Each structure stands twice: as structure tokens, then as C-alpha cells.
Amino acid sequence: KAFEKMPQFAAPNYPTSASERVYELRSYEGPTEKLYE
């Protein structure tokens, strides 16, 4: 579910070819629910 400060996604637009582009996906796990929040 999207964060409040970016409620909708955005599709980037680059002049470079797909083979050059970098999409970085990150996952941050929290030690507890409270610390995650």
C-alpha cells in the first residue's frame, strides 16, 4: 500500500535505452512492528 506522502505511483521517462537504465528496488525490514512503523 502506497505511502501517504506518495499516494500514487509515477512512471519515469528517460532518453536512455532500457538496457542502460537502473531501477533500484529496496526492502527494509524492521526488528519489531513498532520500530518498523
Full PDB file with SEQRES, HELIX, SHEET, SSBOND, CRYST1, ORIGX, SCALE, CONECT and MASTER records, all heavy atoms in Angstrom:
SEQRES   1 A   37  LYS ALA PHE GLU LYS MET PRO GLN PHE ALA ALA PRO ASN          
SEQRES   2 A   37  TYR PRO THR SER ALA SER GLU ARG VAL TYR GLU LEU ARG          
SEQRES   3 A   37  SER TYR GLU GLY PRO THR GLU LYS LEU TYR GLU                  
HELIX    1 AA1 GLU A   33  TYR A   36  1                                   4    
CRYST1    1.000    1.000    1.000  90.00  90.00  90.00 P 1           1          
ORIGX1      1.000000  0.000000  0.000000        0.00000                         
ORIGX2      0.000000  1.000000  0.000000        0.00000                         
ORIGX3      0.000000  0.000000  1.000000        0.00000                         
SCALE1      1.000000  0.000000  0.000000        0.00000                         
SCALE2      0.000000  1.000000  0.000000        0.00000                         
SCALE3      0.000000  0.000000  1.000000        0.00000                         
ATOM      1  N   LYS A   1       0.850  -1.190   0.000  1.00  0.00           N  
ATOM      2  CA  LYS A   1       0.000   0.000   0.000  1.00  0.00           C  
ATOM      3  C   LYS A   1       0.883   1.236   0.000  1.00  0.00           C  
ATOM      4  O   LYS A   1       1.816   1.349   0.797  1.00  0.00           O  
ATOM      5  CB  LYS A   1      -0.919   0.021   1.223  1.00  0.00           C  
ATOM      6  CG  LYS A   1      -1.937   1.165   1.193  1.00  0.00           C  
ATOM      7  CD  LYS A   1      -2.914   1.078   2.350  1.00  0.00           C  
ATOM      8  CE  LYS A   1      -3.973   2.185   2.259  1.00  0.00           C  
ATOM      9  NZ  LYS A   1      -4.954   2.105   3.369  1.00  0.00           N  
ATOM     10  N   ALA A   2       0.589   2.165  -0.893  1.00  0.00           N  
ATOM     11  CA  ALA A   2       1.419   3.358  -1.087  1.00  0.00           C  
ATOM     12  C   ALA A   2       1.509   4.198   0.177  1.00  0.00           C  
ATOM     13  O   ALA A   2       0.558   4.274   0.961  1.00  0.00           O  
ATOM     14  CB  ALA A   2       0.868   4.202  -2.233  1.00  0.00           C  
ATOM     15  N   PHE A   3       2.650   4.832   0.379  1.00  0.00           N  
ATOM     16  CA  PHE A   3       2.844   5.757   1.492  1.00  0.00           C  
ATOM     17  C   PHE A   3       1.962   6.996   1.316  1.00  0.00           C  
ATOM     18  O   PHE A   3       1.623   7.388   0.194  1.00  0.00           O  
ATOM     19  CB  PHE A   3       4.304   6.218   1.552  1.00  0.00           C  
ATOM     20  CG  PHE A   3       5.236   5.250   2.232  1.00  0.00           C  
ATOM     21  CD1 PHE A   3       4.787   4.051   2.752  1.00  0.00           C  
ATOM     22  CD2 PHE A   3       6.582   5.565   2.352  1.00  0.00           C  
ATOM     23  CE1 PHE A   3       5.655   3.180   3.379  1.00  0.00           C  
ATOM     24  CE2 PHE A   3       7.459   4.698   2.979  1.00  0.00           C  
ATOM     25  CZ  PHE A   3       7.004   3.499   3.494  1.00  0.00           C  
ATOM     26  N   GLU A   4       1.660   7.633   2.445  1.00  0.00           N  
ATOM     27  CA  GLU A   4       0.834   8.841   2.422  1.00  0.00           C  
ATOM     28  C   GLU A   4       1.471   9.959   1.604  1.00  0.00           C  
ATOM     29  O   GLU A   4       0.777  10.710   0.912  1.00  0.00           O  
ATOM     30  CB  GLU A   4       0.586   9.331   3.846  1.00  0.00           C  
ATOM     31  CG  GLU A   4      -0.322   8.421   4.668  1.00  0.00           C  
ATOM     32  CD  GLU A   4      -0.515   8.930   6.076  1.00  0.00           C  
ATOM     33  OE1 GLU A   4       0.039  10.003   6.398  1.00  0.00           O  
ATOM     34  OE2 GLU A   4      -1.213   8.263   6.855  1.00  0.00           O  
ATOM     35  N   LYS A   5       2.778  10.108   1.687  1.00  0.00           N  
ATOM     36  CA  LYS A   5       3.451  11.222   1.014  1.00  0.00           C  
ATOM     37  C   LYS A   5       3.702  10.962  -0.473  1.00  0.00           C  
ATOM     38  O   LYS A   5       4.158  11.851  -1.191  1.00  0.00           O  
ATOM     39  CB  LYS A   5       4.770  11.537   1.720  1.00  0.00           C  
ATOM     40  CG  LYS A   5       4.614  12.067   3.138  1.00  0.00           C  
ATOM     41  CD  LYS A   5       3.819  13.358   3.194  1.00  0.00           C  
ATOM     42  CE  LYS A   5       3.736  13.899   4.612  1.00  0.00           C  
ATOM     43  NZ  LYS A   5       2.926  15.130   4.701  1.00  0.00           N  
ATOM     44  N   MET A   6       3.415   9.760  -0.938  1.00  0.00           N  
ATOM     45  CA  MET A   6       3.410   9.480  -2.379  1.00  0.00           C  
ATOM     46  C   MET A   6       2.288   8.481  -2.627  1.00  0.00           C  
ATOM     47  O   MET A   6       2.523   7.294  -2.810  1.00  0.00           O  
ATOM     48  CB  MET A   6       4.757   8.948  -2.869  1.00  0.00           C  
ATOM     49  CG  MET A   6       4.835   8.849  -4.389  1.00  0.00           C  
ATOM     50  SD  MET A   6       6.469   8.383  -5.004  1.00  0.00           S  
ATOM     51  CE  MET A   6       6.113   8.256  -6.774  1.00  0.00           C  
ATOM     52  N   PRO A   7       1.039   8.963  -2.639  1.00  0.00           N  
ATOM     53  CA  PRO A   7      -0.110   8.057  -2.693  1.00  0.00           C  
ATOM     54  C   PRO A   7      -0.323   7.373  -4.037  1.00  0.00           C  
ATOM     55  O   PRO A   7      -0.998   6.353  -4.106  1.00  0.00           O  
ATOM     56  CB  PRO A   7      -1.291   8.973  -2.351  1.00  0.00           C  
ATOM     57  CG  PRO A   7      -0.833  10.343  -2.724  1.00  0.00           C  
ATOM     58  CD  PRO A   7       0.638  10.371  -2.459  1.00  0.00           C  
ATOM     59  N   GLN A   8       0.229   7.925  -5.103  1.00  0.00           N  
ATOM     60  CA  GLN A   8       0.138   7.285  -6.416  1.00  0.00           C  
ATOM     61  C   GLN A   8       1.532   7.090  -7.006  1.00  0.00           C  
ATOM     62  O   GLN A   8       2.451   7.849  -6.713  1.00  0.00           O  
ATOM     63  CB  GLN A   8      -0.700   8.121  -7.380  1.00  0.00           C  
ATOM     64  CG  GLN A   8      -2.205   8.057  -7.147  1.00  0.00           C  
ATOM     65  CD  GLN A   8      -2.683   9.146  -6.202  1.00  0.00           C  
ATOM     66  OE1 GLN A   8      -2.209  10.274  -6.264  1.00  0.00           O  
ATOM     67  NE2 GLN A   8      -3.619   8.819  -5.327  1.00  0.00           N  
ATOM     68  N   PHE A   9       1.662   6.075  -7.849  1.00  0.00           N  
ATOM     69  CA  PHE A   9       2.954   5.780  -8.455  1.00  0.00           C  
ATOM     70  C   PHE A   9       3.283   6.798  -9.541  1.00  0.00           C  
ATOM     71  O   PHE A   9       2.420   7.555  -9.993  1.00  0.00           O  
ATOM     72  CB  PHE A   9       2.954   4.366  -9.036  1.00  0.00           C  
ATOM     73  CG  PHE A   9       2.243   4.243 -10.365  1.00  0.00           C  
ATOM     74  CD1 PHE A   9       2.950   4.333 -11.557  1.00  0.00           C  
ATOM     75  CD2 PHE A   9       0.871   4.037 -10.421  1.00  0.00           C  
ATOM     76  CE1 PHE A   9       2.294   4.232 -12.784  1.00  0.00           C  
ATOM     77  CE2 PHE A   9       0.207   3.928 -11.632  1.00  0.00           C  
ATOM     78  CZ  PHE A   9       0.927   4.024 -12.814  1.00  0.00           C  
ATOM     79  N   ALA A  10       4.533   6.806  -9.968  1.00  0.00           N  
ATOM     80  CA  ALA A  10       4.976   7.669 -11.059  1.00  0.00           C  
ATOM     81  C   ALA A  10       5.846   6.856 -12.008  1.00  0.00           C  
ATOM     82  O   ALA A  10       6.706   6.083 -11.563  1.00  0.00           O  
ATOM     83  CB  ALA A  10       5.757   8.864 -10.517  1.00  0.00           C  
ATOM     84  N   ALA A  11       5.609   6.992 -13.283  1.00  0.00           N  
ATOM     85  CA  ALA A  11       6.402   6.283 -14.285  1.00  0.00           C  
ATOM     86  C   ALA A  11       7.482   7.215 -14.812  1.00  0.00           C  
ATOM     87  O   ALA A  11       7.174   8.254 -15.401  1.00  0.00           O  
ATOM     88  CB  ALA A  11       5.518   5.812 -15.430  1.00  0.00           C  
ATOM     89  N   PRO A  12       8.753   6.908 -14.591  1.00  0.00           N  
ATOM     90  CA  PRO A  12       9.829   7.794 -15.058  1.00  0.00           C  
ATOM     91  C   PRO A  12       9.955   7.777 -16.576  1.00  0.00           C  
ATOM     92  O   PRO A  12       9.516   6.832 -17.241  1.00  0.00           O  
ATOM     93  CB  PRO A  12      11.074   7.188 -14.398  1.00  0.00           C  
ATOM     94  CG  PRO A  12      10.738   5.746 -14.221  1.00  0.00           C  
ATOM     95  CD  PRO A  12       9.265   5.694 -13.931  1.00  0.00           C  
ATOM     96  N   ASN A  13      10.560   8.833 -17.105  1.00  0.00           N  
ATOM     97  CA  ASN A  13      10.742   8.960 -18.551  1.00  0.00           C  
ATOM     98  C   ASN A  13      12.184   9.368 -18.817  1.00  0.00           C  
ATOM     99  O   ASN A  13      12.585  10.490 -18.505  1.00  0.00           O  
ATOM    100  CB  ASN A  13       9.770   9.994 -19.118  1.00  0.00           C  
ATOM    101  CG  ASN A  13       9.867  10.107 -20.623  1.00  0.00           C  
ATOM    102  OD1 ASN A  13      10.317   9.183 -21.291  1.00  0.00           O  
ATOM    103  ND2 ASN A  13       9.449  11.235 -21.166  1.00  0.00           N  
ATOM    104  N   TYR A  14      12.944   8.442 -19.381  1.00  0.00           N  
ATOM    105  CA  TYR A  14      14.358   8.713 -19.643  1.00  0.00           C  
ATOM    106  C   TYR A  14      14.664   8.588 -21.133  1.00  0.00           C  
ATOM    107  O   TYR A  14      14.047   7.766 -21.836  1.00  0.00           O  
ATOM    108  CB  TYR A  14      15.239   7.715 -18.887  1.00  0.00           C  
ATOM    109  CG  TYR A  14      15.230   7.895 -17.388  1.00  0.00           C  
ATOM    110  CD1 TYR A  14      14.734   6.887 -16.556  1.00  0.00           C  
ATOM    111  CD2 TYR A  14      15.733   9.044 -16.794  1.00  0.00           C  
ATOM    112  CE1 TYR A  14      14.739   7.030 -15.175  1.00  0.00           C  
ATOM    113  CE2 TYR A  14      15.734   9.198 -15.421  1.00  0.00           C  
ATOM    114  CZ  TYR A  14      15.236   8.190 -14.622  1.00  0.00           C  
ATOM    115  OH  TYR A  14      15.239   8.346 -13.258  1.00  0.00           O  
ATOM    116  N   PRO A  15      15.628   9.379 -21.617  1.00  0.00           N  
ATOM    117  CA  PRO A  15      16.016   9.257 -23.024  1.00  0.00           C  
ATOM    118  C   PRO A  15      16.903   8.043 -23.281  1.00  0.00           C  
ATOM    119  O   PRO A  15      17.065   7.623 -24.424  1.00  0.00           O  
ATOM    120  CB  PRO A  15      16.793  10.565 -23.280  1.00  0.00           C  
ATOM    121  CG  PRO A  15      17.356  10.938 -21.940  1.00  0.00           C  
ATOM    122  CD  PRO A  15      16.337  10.497 -20.940  1.00  0.00           C  
ATOM    123  N   THR A  16      17.464   7.481 -22.231  1.00  0.00           N  
ATOM    124  CA  THR A  16      18.368   6.337 -22.394  1.00  0.00           C  
ATOM    125  C   THR A  16      17.577   5.066 -22.708  1.00  0.00           C  
ATOM    126  O   THR A  16      16.396   4.946 -22.394  1.00  0.00           O  
ATOM    127  CB  THR A  16      19.193   6.109 -21.118  1.00  0.00           C  
ATOM    128  OG1 THR A  16      18.309   6.100 -19.985  1.00  0.00           O  
ATOM    129  CG2 THR A  16      20.223   7.192 -20.927  1.00  0.00           C  
ATOM    130  N   SER A  17      18.246   4.107 -23.331  1.00  0.00           N  
ATOM    131  CA  SER A  17      17.606   2.840 -23.669  1.00  0.00           C  
ATOM    132  C   SER A  17      17.352   2.027 -22.403  1.00  0.00           C  
ATOM    133  O   SER A  17      17.976   2.252 -21.362  1.00  0.00           O  
ATOM    134  CB  SER A  17      18.498   2.034 -24.622  1.00  0.00           C  
ATOM    135  OG  SER A  17      19.708   1.672 -23.973  1.00  0.00           O  
ATOM    136  N   ALA A  18      16.438   1.061 -22.500  1.00  0.00           N  
ATOM    137  CA  ALA A  18      16.093   0.227 -21.347  1.00  0.00           C  
ATOM    138  C   ALA A  18      17.313  -0.504 -20.805  1.00  0.00           C  
ATOM    139  O   ALA A  18      17.441  -0.704 -19.593  1.00  0.00           O  
ATOM    140  CB  ALA A  18      15.008  -0.764 -21.738  1.00  0.00           C  
ATOM    141  N   SER A  19      18.226  -0.884 -21.685  1.00  0.00           N  
ATOM    142  CA  SER A  19      19.398  -1.639 -21.253  1.00  0.00           C  
ATOM    143  C   SER A  19      20.338  -0.812 -20.378  1.00  0.00           C  
ATOM    144  O   SER A  19      21.114  -1.367 -19.599  1.00  0.00           O  
ATOM    145  CB  SER A  19      20.163  -2.160 -22.469  1.00  0.00           C  
ATOM    146  OG  SER A  19      20.615  -1.076 -23.280  1.00  0.00           O  
ATOM    147  N   GLU A  20      20.272   0.525 -20.482  1.00  0.00           N  
ATOM    148  CA  GLU A  20      21.133   1.400 -19.691  1.00  0.00           C  
ATOM    149  C   GLU A  20      20.522   1.790 -18.350  1.00  0.00           C  
ATOM    150  O   GLU A  20      21.228   2.104 -17.402  1.00  0.00           O  
ATOM    151  CB  GLU A  20      21.432   2.691 -20.467  1.00  0.00           C  
ATOM    152  CG  GLU A  20      22.313   2.538 -21.676  1.00  0.00           C  
ATOM    153  CD  GLU A  20      22.584   3.891 -22.325  1.00  0.00           C  
ATOM    154  OE1 GLU A  20      23.442   4.630 -21.817  1.00  0.00           O  
ATOM    155  OE2 GLU A  20      21.893   4.207 -23.318  1.00  0.00           O  
ATOM    156  N   ARG A  21      19.196   1.785 -18.266  1.00  0.00           N  
ATOM    157  CA  ARG A  21      18.532   2.300 -17.078  1.00  0.00           C  
ATOM    158  C   ARG A  21      18.709   1.386 -15.872  1.00  0.00           C  
ATOM    159  O   ARG A  21      18.882   0.181 -16.010  1.00  0.00           O  
ATOM    160  CB  ARG A  21      17.032   2.488 -17.349  1.00  0.00           C  
ATOM    161  CG  ARG A  21      16.733   3.552 -18.366  1.00  0.00           C  
ATOM    162  CD  ARG A  21      15.240   3.669 -18.605  1.00  0.00           C  
ATOM    163  NE  ARG A  21      14.988   3.858 -20.038  1.00  0.00           N  
ATOM    164  CZ  ARG A  21      13.927   3.409 -20.675  1.00  0.00           C  
ATOM    165  NH1 ARG A  21      13.010   2.729 -20.014  1.00  0.00           N  
ATOM    166  NH2 ARG A  21      13.775   3.637 -21.956  1.00  0.00           N  
ATOM    167  N   VAL A  22      18.646   2.015 -14.698  1.00  0.00           N  
ATOM    168  CA  VAL A  22      18.766   1.279 -13.436  1.00  0.00           C  
ATOM    169  C   VAL A  22      17.526   1.557 -12.602  1.00  0.00           C  
ATOM    170  O   VAL A  22      17.187   2.708 -12.332  1.00  0.00           O  
ATOM    171  CB  VAL A  22      20.024   1.704 -12.650  1.00  0.00           C  
ATOM    172  CG1 VAL A  22      20.091   0.967 -11.308  1.00  0.00           C  
ATOM    173  CG2 VAL A  22      21.280   1.440 -13.468  1.00  0.00           C  
ATOM    174  N   TYR A  23      16.844   0.490 -12.210  1.00  0.00           N  
ATOM    175  CA  TYR A  23      15.699   0.578 -11.307  1.00  0.00           C  
ATOM    176  C   TYR A  23      16.122  -0.123 -10.017  1.00  0.00           C  
ATOM    177  O   TYR A  23      16.413  -1.320 -10.034  1.00  0.00           O  
ATOM    178  CB  TYR A  23      14.468  -0.102 -11.911  1.00  0.00           C  
ATOM    179  CG  TYR A  23      13.825   0.675 -13.029  1.00  0.00           C  
ATOM    180  CD1 TYR A  23      14.538   1.012 -14.188  1.00  0.00           C  
ATOM    181  CD2 TYR A  23      12.509   1.073 -12.948  1.00  0.00           C  
ATOM    182  CE1 TYR A  23      13.956   1.721 -15.211  1.00  0.00           C  
ATOM    183  CE2 TYR A  23      11.901   1.781 -13.975  1.00  0.00           C  
ATOM    184  CZ  TYR A  23      12.631   2.104 -15.102  1.00  0.00           C  
ATOM    185  OH  TYR A  23      12.045   2.825 -16.120  1.00  0.00           O  
ATOM    186  N   GLU A  24      16.160   0.631  -8.944  1.00  0.00           N  
ATOM    187  CA  GLU A  24      16.630   0.064  -7.677  1.00  0.00           C  
ATOM    188  C   GLU A  24      15.444  -0.200  -6.745  1.00  0.00           C  
ATOM    189  O   GLU A  24      14.747   0.726  -6.323  1.00  0.00           O  
ATOM    190  CB  GLU A  24      17.631   0.996  -6.993  1.00  0.00           C  
ATOM    191  CG  GLU A  24      18.187   0.393  -5.717  1.00  0.00           C  
ATOM    192  CD  GLU A  24      19.387   1.155  -5.165  1.00  0.00           C  
ATOM    193  OE1 GLU A  24      19.832   2.118  -5.830  1.00  0.00           O  
ATOM    194  OE2 GLU A  24      19.861   0.791  -4.086  1.00  0.00           O  
ATOM    195  N   LEU A  25      15.229  -1.459  -6.457  1.00  0.00           N  
ATOM    196  CA  LEU A  25      14.168  -1.881  -5.540  1.00  0.00           C  
ATOM    197  C   LEU A  25      14.808  -2.200  -4.196  1.00  0.00           C  
ATOM    198  O   LEU A  25      15.754  -2.977  -4.129  1.00  0.00           O  
ATOM    199  CB  LEU A  25      13.465  -3.116  -6.088  1.00  0.00           C  
ATOM    200  CG  LEU A  25      12.385  -3.746  -5.213  1.00  0.00           C  
ATOM    201  CD1 LEU A  25      11.180  -2.817  -5.059  1.00  0.00           C  
ATOM    202  CD2 LEU A  25      11.955  -5.099  -5.791  1.00  0.00           C  
ATOM    203  N   ARG A  26      14.285  -1.579  -3.135  1.00  0.00           N  
ATOM    204  CA  ARG A  26      14.818  -1.816  -1.797  1.00  0.00           C  
ATOM    205  C   ARG A  26      13.713  -2.299  -0.861  1.00  0.00           C  
ATOM    206  O   ARG A  26      12.574  -1.845  -0.943  1.00  0.00           O  
ATOM    207  CB  ARG A  26      15.463  -0.548  -1.231  1.00  0.00           C  
ATOM    208  CG  ARG A  26      16.761  -0.175  -1.914  1.00  0.00           C  
ATOM    209  CD  ARG A  26      17.571   0.798  -1.078  1.00  0.00           C  
ATOM    210  NE  ARG A  26      18.867   1.065  -1.671  1.00  0.00           N  
ATOM    211  CZ  ARG A  26      19.920   1.547  -1.002  1.00  0.00           C  
ATOM    212  NH1 ARG A  26      19.800   1.822   0.290  1.00  0.00           N  
ATOM    213  NH2 ARG A  26      21.070   1.757  -1.605  1.00  0.00           N  
ATOM    214  N   SER A  27      14.112  -3.192   0.027  1.00  0.00           N  
ATOM    215  CA  SER A  27      13.228  -3.684   1.082  1.00  0.00           C  
ATOM    216  C   SER A  27      13.900  -3.446   2.423  1.00  0.00           C  
ATOM    217  O   SER A  27      15.044  -3.855   2.621  1.00  0.00           O  
ATOM    218  CB  SER A  27      12.958  -5.177   0.895  1.00  0.00           C  
ATOM    219  OG  SER A  27      12.297  -5.714   2.025  1.00  0.00           O  
ATOM    220  N   TYR A  28      13.198  -2.756   3.315  1.00  0.00           N  
ATOM    221  CA  TYR A  28      13.716  -2.508   4.665  1.00  0.00           C  
ATOM    222  C   TYR A  28      12.847  -3.258   5.666  1.00  0.00           C  
ATOM    223  O   TYR A  28      11.657  -2.960   5.809  1.00  0.00           O  
ATOM    224  CB  TYR A  28      13.683  -1.007   4.996  1.00  0.00           C  
ATOM    225  CG  TYR A  28      14.677  -0.160   4.229  1.00  0.00           C  
ATOM    226  CD1 TYR A  28      14.549   1.228   4.202  1.00  0.00           C  
ATOM    227  CD2 TYR A  28      15.728  -0.718   3.523  1.00  0.00           C  
ATOM    228  CE1 TYR A  28      15.448   2.023   3.506  1.00  0.00           C  
ATOM    229  CE2 TYR A  28      16.627   0.063   2.823  1.00  0.00           C  
ATOM    230  CZ  TYR A  28      16.486   1.430   2.815  1.00  0.00           C  
ATOM    231  OH  TYR A  28      17.376   2.209   2.117  1.00  0.00           O  
ATOM    232  N   GLU A  29      13.448  -4.219   6.337  1.00  0.00           N  
ATOM    233  CA  GLU A  29      12.740  -4.977   7.357  1.00  0.00           C  
ATOM    234  C   GLU A  29      12.960  -4.329   8.721  1.00  0.00           C  
ATOM    235  O   GLU A  29      14.066  -3.863   9.026  1.00  0.00           O  
ATOM    236  CB  GLU A  29      13.231  -6.425   7.386  1.00  0.00           C  
ATOM    237  CG  GLU A  29      13.000  -7.167   6.068  1.00  0.00           C  
ATOM    238  CD  GLU A  29      13.611  -8.552   6.078  1.00  0.00           C  
ATOM    239  OE1 GLU A  29      13.699  -9.164   7.175  1.00  0.00           O  
ATOM    240  OE2 GLU A  29      14.008  -9.029   4.989  1.00  0.00           O  
ATOM    241  N   GLY A  30      11.908  -4.304   9.535  1.00  0.00           N  
ATOM    242  CA  GLY A  30      12.007  -3.738  10.869  1.00  0.00           C  
ATOM    243  C   GLY A  30      12.127  -4.836  11.914  1.00  0.00           C  
ATOM    244  O   GLY A  30      11.547  -5.913  11.766  1.00  0.00           O  
ATOM    245  N   PRO A  31      12.860  -4.580  13.008  1.00  0.00           N  
ATOM    246  CA  PRO A  31      13.017  -5.589  14.051  1.00  0.00           C  
ATOM    247  C   PRO A  31      11.723  -5.884  14.795  1.00  0.00           C  
ATOM    248  O   PRO A  31      11.521  -7.001  15.272  1.00  0.00           O  
ATOM    249  CB  PRO A  31      14.077  -4.993  14.981  1.00  0.00           C  
ATOM    250  CG  PRO A  31      14.107  -3.532  14.680  1.00  0.00           C  
ATOM    251  CD  PRO A  31      13.680  -3.374  13.264  1.00  0.00           C  
ATOM    252  N   THR A  32      10.834  -4.901  14.898  1.00  0.00           N  
ATOM    253  CA  THR A  32       9.513  -5.076  15.516  1.00  0.00           C  
ATOM    254  C   THR A  32       8.516  -4.233  14.737  1.00  0.00           C  
ATOM    255  O   THR A  32       8.907  -3.344  13.957  1.00  0.00           O  
ATOM    256  CB  THR A  32       9.491  -4.610  16.991  1.00  0.00           C  
ATOM    257  OG1 THR A  32       9.658  -3.175  17.022  1.00  0.00           O  
ATOM    258  CG2 THR A  32      10.592  -5.263  17.811  1.00  0.00           C  
ATOM    259  N   GLU A  33       7.217  -4.479  14.955  1.00  0.00           N  
ATOM    260  CA  GLU A  33       6.203  -3.678  14.276  1.00  0.00           C  
ATOM    261  C   GLU A  33       6.335  -2.193  14.633  1.00  0.00           C  
ATOM    262  O   GLU A  33       6.220  -1.324  13.763  1.00  0.00           O  
ATOM    263  CB  GLU A  33       4.794  -4.157  14.631  1.00  0.00           C  
ATOM    264  CG  GLU A  33       4.413  -5.506  14.017  1.00  0.00           C  
ATOM    265  CD  GLU A  33       4.675  -6.670  14.950  1.00  0.00           C  
ATOM    266  OE1 GLU A  33       5.563  -6.543  15.832  1.00  0.00           O  
ATOM    267  OE2 GLU A  33       4.004  -7.700  14.818  1.00  0.00           O  
ATOM    268  N   LYS A  34       6.572  -1.896  15.903  1.00  0.00           N  
ATOM    269  CA  LYS A  34       6.658  -0.506  16.333  1.00  0.00           C  
ATOM    270  C   LYS A  34       7.843   0.204  15.692  1.00  0.00           C  
ATOM    271  O   LYS A  34       7.721   1.349  15.222  1.00  0.00           O  
ATOM    272  CB  LYS A  34       6.757  -0.432  17.855  1.00  0.00           C  
ATOM    273  CG  LYS A  34       6.755   0.996  18.410  1.00  0.00           C  
ATOM    274  CD  LYS A  34       6.727   1.003  19.930  1.00  0.00           C  
ATOM    275  CE  LYS A  34       6.686   2.434  20.472  1.00  0.00           C  
ATOM    276  NZ  LYS A  34       6.612   2.451  21.956  1.00  0.00           N  
ATOM    277  N   LEU A  35       8.993  -0.458  15.642  1.00  0.00           N  
ATOM    278  CA  LEU A  35      10.171   0.163  15.038  1.00  0.00           C  
ATOM    279  C   LEU A  35      10.003   0.288  13.524  1.00  0.00           C  
ATOM    280  O   LEU A  35      10.461   1.258  12.912  1.00  0.00           O  
ATOM    281  CB  LEU A  35      11.419  -0.639  15.396  1.00  0.00           C  
ATOM    282  CG  LEU A  35      11.848  -0.537  16.858  1.00  0.00           C  
ATOM    283  CD1 LEU A  35      12.928  -1.559  17.182  1.00  0.00           C  
ATOM    284  CD2 LEU A  35      12.338   0.874  17.183  1.00  0.00           C  
ATOM    285  N   TYR A  36       9.337  -0.681  12.932  1.00  0.00           N  
ATOM    286  CA  TYR A  36       9.027  -0.596  11.502  1.00  0.00           C  
ATOM    287  C   TYR A  36       8.158   0.627  11.222  1.00  0.00           C  
ATOM    288  O   TYR A  36       8.393   1.381  10.266  1.00  0.00           O  
ATOM    289  CB  TYR A  36       8.335  -1.873  11.048  1.00  0.00           C  
ATOM    290  CG  TYR A  36       7.459  -1.693   9.840  1.00  0.00           C  
ATOM    291  CD1 TYR A  36       7.998  -1.570   8.564  1.00  0.00           C  
ATOM    292  CD2 TYR A  36       6.067  -1.612   9.966  1.00  0.00           C  
ATOM    293  CE1 TYR A  36       7.189  -1.385   7.448  1.00  0.00           C  
ATOM    294  CE2 TYR A  36       5.254  -1.427   8.868  1.00  0.00           C  
ATOM    295  CZ  TYR A  36       5.823  -1.314   7.609  1.00  0.00           C  
ATOM    296  OH  TYR A  36       5.026  -1.122   6.520  1.00  0.00           O  
ATOM    297  N   GLU A  37       7.127   0.832  12.036  1.00  0.00           N  
ATOM    298  CA  GLU A  37       6.238   1.985  11.857  1.00  0.00           C  
ATOM    299  C   GLU A  37       6.998   3.300  11.992  1.00  0.00           C  
ATOM    300  O   GLU A  37       6.675   4.289  11.326  1.00  0.00           O  
ATOM    301  CB  GLU A  37       5.093   1.919  12.868  1.00  0.00           C  
ATOM    302  CG  GLU A  37       4.090   0.812  12.558  1.00  0.00           C  
ATOM    303  CD  GLU A  37       3.123   0.558  13.694  1.00  0.00           C  
ATOM    304  OE1 GLU A  37       3.207   1.292  14.714  1.00  0.00           O  
ATOM    305  OE2 GLU A  37       2.279  -0.346  13.579  1.00  0.00           O  
TER     306      GLU A  37                                                      
MASTER        0    0    0    1    0    0    0    6  305    1    0    3          
END                                                                             
